[in-house]
Amino acid sequence: MAHAASMNESGLWTKVRGAINEHPRARGVKSYDPIILGLAVVALAACAIVAASIPARRATRVDPIVRWYE
């Protein structure tokens, strides 16, 4: 059963890679382009910072002693 799962995953990966390579807007952009990779890293880091800072900021506004005894 594990062999069938690995075959399906590799087939899916092949289709995704093929779709990326065939996409008209992706022409001329290599998968190892440092500018694109850098922009992707910056975008993901920005999303992670925003996703972590919103709940952290809300948590700083709560008095822990008051919440403990409610």
PDB file of N, CA and C in Angstrom:
ATOM      1  N   MET A   1       0.823  -1.195   0.000  1.00  0.00           N
ATOM      2  CA  MET A   1       0.000   0.000   0.000  1.00  0.00           C
ATOM      3  C   MET A   1       0.867   1.258   0.000  1.00  0.00           C
ATOM      4  N   ALA A   2       1.993   1.203   0.710  1.00  0.00           N
ATOM      5  CA  ALA A   2       2.874   2.368   0.762  1.00  0.00           C
ATOM      6  C   ALA A   2       3.453   2.662  -0.616  1.00  0.00           C
ATOM      7  N   HIS A   3       3.676   1.612  -1.392  1.00  0.00           N
ATOM      8  CA  HIS A   3       4.216   1.806  -2.735  1.00  0.00           C
ATOM      9  C   HIS A   3       3.214   2.561  -3.615  1.00  0.00           C
ATOM     10  N   ALA A   4       1.951   2.230  -3.475  1.00  0.00           N
ATOM     11  CA  ALA A   4       0.929   2.917  -4.270  1.00  0.00           C
ATOM     12  C   ALA A   4       0.831   4.385  -3.869  1.00  0.00           C
ATOM     13  N   ALA A   5       0.957   4.666  -2.586  1.00  0.00           N
ATOM     14  CA  ALA A   5       0.894   6.059  -2.135  1.00  0.00           C
ATOM     15  C   ALA A   5       2.074   6.847  -2.671  1.00  0.00           C
ATOM     16  N   SER A   6       3.254   6.255  -2.665  1.00  0.00           N
ATOM     17  CA  SER A   6       4.417   6.985  -3.163  1.00  0.00           C
ATOM     18  C   SER A   6       4.316   7.206  -4.669  1.00  0.00           C
ATOM     19  N   MET A   7       3.718   6.265  -5.390  1.00  0.00           N
ATOM     20  CA  MET A   7       3.533   6.456  -6.828  1.00  0.00           C
ATOM     21  C   MET A   7       2.550   7.585  -7.091  1.00  0.00           C
ATOM     22  N   ASN A   8       1.474   7.653  -6.294  1.00  0.00           N
ATOM     23  CA  ASN A   8       0.494   8.722  -6.480  1.00  0.00           C
ATOM     24  C   ASN A   8       1.093  10.082  -6.159  1.00  0.00           C
ATOM     25  N   GLU A   9       1.883  10.161  -5.095  1.00  0.00           N
ATOM     26  CA  GLU A   9       2.491  11.427  -4.722  1.00  0.00           C
ATOM     27  C   GLU A   9       3.487  11.879  -5.779  1.00  0.00           C
ATOM     28  N   SER A  10       4.264  10.944  -6.307  1.00  0.00           N
ATOM     29  CA  SER A  10       5.232  11.338  -7.333  1.00  0.00           C
ATOM     30  C   SER A  10       4.516  11.745  -8.614  1.00  0.00           C
ATOM     31  N   GLY A  11       3.412  11.103  -8.935  1.00  0.00           N
ATOM     32  CA  GLY A  11       2.634  11.496 -10.106  1.00  0.00           C
ATOM     33  C   GLY A  11       2.039  12.885  -9.940  1.00  0.00           C
ATOM     34  N   LEU A  12       1.565  13.186  -8.741  1.00  0.00           N
ATOM     35  CA  LEU A  12       1.024  14.509  -8.462  1.00  0.00           C
ATOM     36  C   LEU A  12       2.129  15.554  -8.574  1.00  0.00           C
ATOM     37  N   TRP A  13       3.300  15.251  -8.023  1.00  0.00           N
ATOM     38  CA  TRP A  13       4.422  16.173  -8.091  1.00  0.00           C
ATOM     39  C   TRP A  13       4.805  16.437  -9.546  1.00  0.00           C
ATOM     40  N   THR A  14       4.808  15.404 -10.365  1.00  0.00           N
ATOM     41  CA  THR A  14       5.147  15.567 -11.772  1.00  0.00           C
ATOM     42  C   THR A  14       4.139  16.463 -12.473  1.00  0.00           C
ATOM     43  N   LYS A  15       2.869  16.306 -12.157  1.00  0.00           N
ATOM     44  CA  LYS A  15       1.839  17.150 -12.772  1.00  0.00           C
ATOM     45  C   LYS A  15       1.966  18.600 -12.325  1.00  0.00           C
ATOM     46  N   VAL A  16       2.259  18.808 -11.058  1.00  0.00           N
ATOM     47  CA  VAL A  16       2.410  20.177 -10.561  1.00  0.00           C
ATOM     48  C   VAL A  16       3.605  20.842 -11.212  1.00  0.00           C
ATOM     49  N   ARG A  17       4.731  20.151 -11.282  1.00  0.00           N
ATOM     50  CA  ARG A  17       5.922  20.706 -11.919  1.00  0.00           C
ATOM     51  C   ARG A  17       5.650  20.988 -13.403  1.00  0.00           C
ATOM     52  N   GLY A  18       4.944  20.100 -14.059  1.00  0.00           N
ATOM     53  CA  GLY A  18       4.621  20.319 -15.460  1.00  0.00           C
ATOM     54  C   GLY A  18       3.724  21.523 -15.651  1.00  0.00           C
ATOM     55  N   ALA A  19       2.768  21.700 -14.753  1.00  0.00           N
ATOM     56  CA  ALA A  19       1.872  22.850 -14.844  1.00  0.00           C
ATOM     57  C   ALA A  19       2.624  24.148 -14.611  1.00  0.00           C
ATOM     58  N   ILE A  20       3.579  24.130 -13.700  1.00  0.00           N
ATOM     59  CA  ILE A  20       4.364  25.333 -13.443  1.00  0.00           C
ATOM     60  C   ILE A  20       5.228  25.659 -14.653  1.00  0.00           C
ATOM     61  N   ASN A  21       5.837  24.660 -15.215  1.00  0.00           N
ATOM     62  CA  ASN A  21       6.717  24.900 -16.362  1.00  0.00           C
ATOM     63  C   ASN A  21       5.941  25.314 -17.605  1.00  0.00           C
ATOM     64  N   GLU A  22       4.700  24.919 -17.722  1.00  0.00           N
ATOM     65  CA  GLU A  22       3.904  25.223 -18.905  1.00  0.00           C
ATOM     66  C   GLU A  22       3.133  26.537 -18.789  1.00  0.00           C
ATOM     67  N   HIS A  23       3.070  27.103 -17.599  1.00  0.00           N
ATOM     68  CA  HIS A  23       2.268  28.293 -17.391  1.00  0.00           C
ATOM     69  C   HIS A  23       2.842  29.460 -18.187  1.00  0.00           C
ATOM     70  N   PRO A  24       1.998  30.194 -18.923  1.00  0.00           N
ATOM     71  CA  PRO A  24       2.517  31.258 -19.786  1.00  0.00           C
ATOM     72  C   PRO A  24       3.200  32.389 -19.032  1.00  0.00           C
ATOM     73  N   ARG A  25       2.746  32.707 -17.816  1.00  0.00           N
ATOM     74  CA  ARG A  25       3.380  33.788 -17.068  1.00  0.00           C
ATOM     75  C   ARG A  25       4.706  33.360 -16.463  1.00  0.00           C
ATOM     76  N   ALA A  26       4.967  32.068 -16.415  1.00  0.00           N
ATOM     77  CA  ALA A  26       6.200  31.568 -15.812  1.00  0.00           C
ATOM     78  C   ALA A  26       7.306  31.398 -16.840  1.00  0.00           C
ATOM     79  N   ARG A  27       7.077  31.764 -18.065  1.00  0.00           N
ATOM     80  CA  ARG A  27       8.121  31.613 -19.073  1.00  0.00           C
ATOM     81  C   ARG A  27       9.251  32.579 -18.782  1.00  0.00           C
ATOM     82  N   GLY A  28      10.457  32.089 -18.833  1.00  0.00           N
ATOM     83  CA  GLY A  28      11.624  32.902 -18.563  1.00  0.00           C
ATOM     84  C   GLY A  28      12.011  32.951 -17.106  1.00  0.00           C
ATOM     85  N   VAL A  29      11.192  32.355 -16.228  1.00  0.00           N
ATOM     86  CA  VAL A  29      11.508  32.314 -14.808  1.00  0.00           C
ATOM     87  C   VAL A  29      11.947  30.901 -14.484  1.00  0.00           C
ATOM     88  N   LYS A  30      13.173  30.772 -14.025  1.00  0.00           N
ATOM     89  CA  LYS A  30      13.701  29.456 -13.664  1.00  0.00           C
ATOM     90  C   LYS A  30      13.309  29.122 -12.232  1.00  0.00           C
ATOM     91  N   SER A  31      13.276  27.850 -11.908  1.00  0.00           N
ATOM     92  CA  SER A  31      12.912  27.429 -10.561  1.00  0.00           C
ATOM     93  C   SER A  31      13.982  27.783  -9.544  1.00  0.00           C
ATOM     94  N   TYR A  32      15.164  28.129  -9.987  1.00  0.00           N
ATOM     95  CA  TYR A  32      16.258  28.482  -9.083  1.00  0.00           C
ATOM     96  C   TYR A  32      16.608  29.970  -9.163  1.00  0.00           C
ATOM     97  N   ASP A  33      15.699  30.777  -9.643  1.00  0.00           N
ATOM     98  CA  ASP A  33      15.922  32.214  -9.778  1.00  0.00           C
ATOM     99  C   ASP A  33      16.030  32.840  -8.383  1.00  0.00           C
ATOM    100  N   PRO A  34      17.163  33.440  -8.028  1.00  0.00           N
ATOM    101  CA  PRO A  34      17.340  33.950  -6.665  1.00  0.00           C
ATOM    102  C   PRO A  34      16.402  35.107  -6.317  1.00  0.00           C
ATOM    103  N   ILE A  35      16.038  35.918  -7.280  1.00  0.00           N
ATOM    104  CA  ILE A  35      15.125  37.033  -6.992  1.00  0.00           C
ATOM    105  C   ILE A  35      13.738  36.504  -6.630  1.00  0.00           C
ATOM    106  N   ILE A  36      13.246  35.563  -7.405  1.00  0.00           N
ATOM    107  CA  ILE A  36      11.927  34.983  -7.128  1.00  0.00           C
ATOM    108  C   ILE A  36      11.937  34.240  -5.801  1.00  0.00           C
ATOM    109  N   LEU A  37      12.986  33.469  -5.551  1.00  0.00           N
ATOM    110  CA  LEU A  37      13.079  32.747  -4.279  1.00  0.00           C
ATOM    111  C   LEU A  37      13.149  33.727  -3.106  1.00  0.00           C
ATOM    112  N   GLY A  38      13.896  34.799  -3.273  1.00  0.00           N
ATOM    113  CA  GLY A  38      13.981  35.801  -2.210  1.00  0.00           C
ATOM    114  C   GLY A  38      12.644  36.470  -1.948  1.00  0.00           C
ATOM    115  N   LEU A  39      11.931  36.801  -3.018  1.00  0.00           N
ATOM    116  CA  LEU A  39      10.602  37.413  -2.844  1.00  0.00           C
ATOM    117  C   LEU A  39       9.630  36.445  -2.172  1.00  0.00           C
ATOM    118  N   ALA A  40       9.726  35.168  -2.507  1.00  0.00           N
ATOM    119  CA  ALA A  40       8.850  34.177  -1.876  1.00  0.00           C
ATOM    120  C   ALA A  40       9.160  34.051  -0.392  1.00  0.00           C
ATOM    121  N   VAL A  41      10.446  34.060  -0.043  1.00  0.00           N
ATOM    122  CA  VAL A  41      10.833  33.985   1.367  1.00  0.00           C
ATOM    123  C   VAL A  41      10.339  35.211   2.129  1.00  0.00           C
ATOM    124  N   VAL A  42      10.496  36.377   1.547  1.00  0.00           N
ATOM    125  CA  VAL A  42      10.045  37.606   2.199  1.00  0.00           C
ATOM    126  C   VAL A  42       8.525  37.602   2.371  1.00  0.00           C
ATOM    127  N   ALA A  43       7.803  37.165   1.353  1.00  0.00           N
ATOM    128  CA  ALA A  43       6.337  37.124   1.447  1.00  0.00           C
ATOM    129  C   ALA A  43       5.880  36.142   2.524  1.00  0.00           C
ATOM    130  N   LEU A  44       6.489  34.969   2.564  1.00  0.00           N
ATOM    131  CA  LEU A  44       6.107  33.995   3.594  1.00  0.00           C
ATOM    132  C   LEU A  44       6.478  34.478   4.990  1.00  0.00           C
ATOM    133  N   ALA A  45       7.630  35.120   5.124  1.00  0.00           N
ATOM    134  CA  ALA A  45       8.034  35.645   6.429  1.00  0.00           C
ATOM    135  C   ALA A  45       7.081  36.751   6.881  1.00  0.00           C
ATOM    136  N   ALA A  46       6.665  37.607   5.969  1.00  0.00           N
ATOM    137  CA  ALA A  46       5.720  38.666   6.324  1.00  0.00           C
ATOM    138  C   ALA A  46       4.387  38.088   6.779  1.00  0.00           C
ATOM    139  N   CYS A  47       3.917  37.070   6.089  1.00  0.00           N
ATOM    140  CA  CYS A  47       2.662  36.419   6.507  1.00  0.00           C
ATOM    141  C   CYS A  47       2.810  35.776   7.880  1.00  0.00           C
ATOM    142  N   ALA A  48       3.938  35.142   8.133  1.00  0.00           N
ATOM    143  CA  ALA A  48       4.159  34.501   9.428  1.00  0.00           C
ATOM    144  C   ALA A  48       4.228  35.530  10.553  1.00  0.00           C
ATOM    145  N   ILE A  49       4.882  36.643  10.300  1.00  0.00           N
ATOM    146  CA  ILE A  49       4.981  37.685  11.327  1.00  0.00           C
ATOM    147  C   ILE A  49       3.612  38.265  11.639  1.00  0.00           C
ATOM    148  N   VAL A  50       2.831  38.549  10.624  1.00  0.00           N
ATOM    149  CA  VAL A  50       1.480  39.089  10.850  1.00  0.00           C
ATOM    150  C   VAL A  50       0.610  38.064  11.563  1.00  0.00           C
ATOM    151  N   ALA A  51       0.703  36.802  11.141  1.00  0.00           N
ATOM    152  CA  ALA A  51      -0.123  35.755  11.755  1.00  0.00           C
ATOM    153  C   ALA A  51       0.246  35.525  13.217  1.00  0.00           C
ATOM    154  N   ALA A  52       1.491  35.751  13.578  1.00  0.00           N
ATOM    155  CA  ALA A  52       1.910  35.562  14.967  1.00  0.00           C
ATOM    156  C   ALA A  52       1.689  36.816  15.804  1.00  0.00           C
ATOM    157  N   SER A  53       1.803  37.990  15.207  1.00  0.00           N
ATOM    158  CA  SER A  53       1.734  39.215  15.994  1.00  0.00           C
ATOM    159  C   SER A  53       0.316  39.608  16.382  1.00  0.00           C
ATOM    160  N   ILE A  54      -0.651  39.271  15.579  1.00  0.00           N
ATOM    161  CA  ILE A  54      -2.033  39.648  15.914  1.00  0.00           C
ATOM    162  C   ILE A  54      -2.502  38.967  17.200  1.00  0.00           C
ATOM    163  N   PRO A  55      -2.388  37.643  17.345  1.00  0.00           N
ATOM    164  CA  PRO A  55      -2.794  37.038  18.620  1.00  0.00           C
ATOM    165  C   PRO A  55      -1.902  37.447  19.786  1.00  0.00           C
ATOM    166  N   ALA A  56      -0.612  37.662  19.532  1.00  0.00           N
ATOM    167  CA  ALA A  56       0.296  38.077  20.607  1.00  0.00           C
ATOM    168  C   ALA A  56      -0.082  39.465  21.117  1.00  0.00           C
ATOM    169  N   ARG A  57      -0.440  40.340  20.203  1.00  0.00           N
ATOM    170  CA  ARG A  57      -0.837  41.689  20.609  1.00  0.00           C
ATOM    171  C   ARG A  57      -2.127  41.659  21.424  1.00  0.00           C
ATOM    172  N   ARG A  58      -3.053  40.815  21.031  1.00  0.00           N
ATOM    173  CA  ARG A  58      -4.300  40.688  21.799  1.00  0.00           C
ATOM    174  C   ARG A  58      -4.028  40.107  23.174  1.00  0.00           C
ATOM    175  N   ALA A  59      -3.083  39.183  23.265  1.00  0.00           N
ATOM    176  CA  ALA A  59      -2.771  38.551  24.550  1.00  0.00           C
ATOM    177  C   ALA A  59      -2.120  39.526  25.516  1.00  0.00           C
ATOM    178  N   THR A  60      -1.402  40.525  25.009  1.00  0.00           N
ATOM    179  CA  THR A  60      -0.765  41.493  25.904  1.00  0.00           C
ATOM    180  C   THR A  60      -1.773  42.435  26.547  1.00  0.00           C
ATOM    181  N   ARG A  61      -2.966  42.495  26.026  1.00  0.00           N
ATOM    182  CA  ARG A  61      -3.985  43.396  26.566  1.00  0.00           C
ATOM    183  C   ARG A  61      -4.829  42.750  27.667  1.00  0.00           C
ATOM    184  N   VAL A  62      -4.569  41.487  27.957  1.00  0.00           N
ATOM    185  CA  VAL A  62      -5.353  40.775  28.960  1.00  0.00           C
ATOM    186  C   VAL A  62      -4.577  40.751  30.273  1.00  0.00           C
ATOM    187  N   ASP A  63      -5.246  41.108  31.361  1.00  0.00           N
ATOM    188  CA  ASP A  63      -4.624  41.034  32.686  1.00  0.00           C
ATOM    189  C   ASP A  63      -4.696  39.585  33.160  1.00  0.00           C
ATOM    190  N   PRO A  64      -3.566  38.920  33.369  1.00  0.00           N
ATOM    191  CA  PRO A  64      -3.599  37.495  33.707  1.00  0.00           C
ATOM    192  C   PRO A  64      -4.241  37.199  35.063  1.00  0.00           C
ATOM    193  N   ILE A  65      -4.114  38.102  36.015  1.00  0.00           N
ATOM    194  CA  ILE A  65      -4.703  37.866  37.327  1.00  0.00           C
ATOM    195  C   ILE A  65      -6.222  37.905  37.242  1.00  0.00           C
ATOM    196  N   VAL A  66      -6.751  38.849  36.497  1.00  0.00           N
ATOM    197  CA  VAL A  66      -8.198  38.960  36.342  1.00  0.00           C
ATOM    198  C   VAL A  66      -8.729  37.734  35.605  1.00  0.00           C
ATOM    199  N   ARG A  67      -8.060  37.296  34.559  1.00  0.00           N
ATOM    200  CA  ARG A  67      -8.518  36.131  33.785  1.00  0.00           C
ATOM    201  C   ARG A  67      -8.405  34.863  34.599  1.00  0.00           C
ATOM    202  N   TRP A  68      -7.452  34.790  35.523  1.00  0.00           N
ATOM    203  CA  TRP A  68      -7.254  33.566  36.301  1.00  0.00           C
ATOM    204  C   TRP A  68      -8.422  33.312  37.236  1.00  0.00           C
ATOM    205  N   TYR A  69      -8.990  34.369  37.807  1.00  0.00           N
ATOM    206  CA  TYR A  69     -10.051  34.203  38.787  1.00  0.00           C
ATOM    207  C   TYR A  69     -11.451  34.312  38.221  1.00  0.00           C
ATOM    208  N   GLU A  70     -11.598  34.398  36.928  1.00  0.00           N
ATOM    209  CA  GLU A  70     -12.950  34.458  36.344  1.00  0.00           C
ATOM    210  C   GLU A  70     -13.536  33.094  36.201  1.00  0.00           C
TER     211      GLU A  70
END
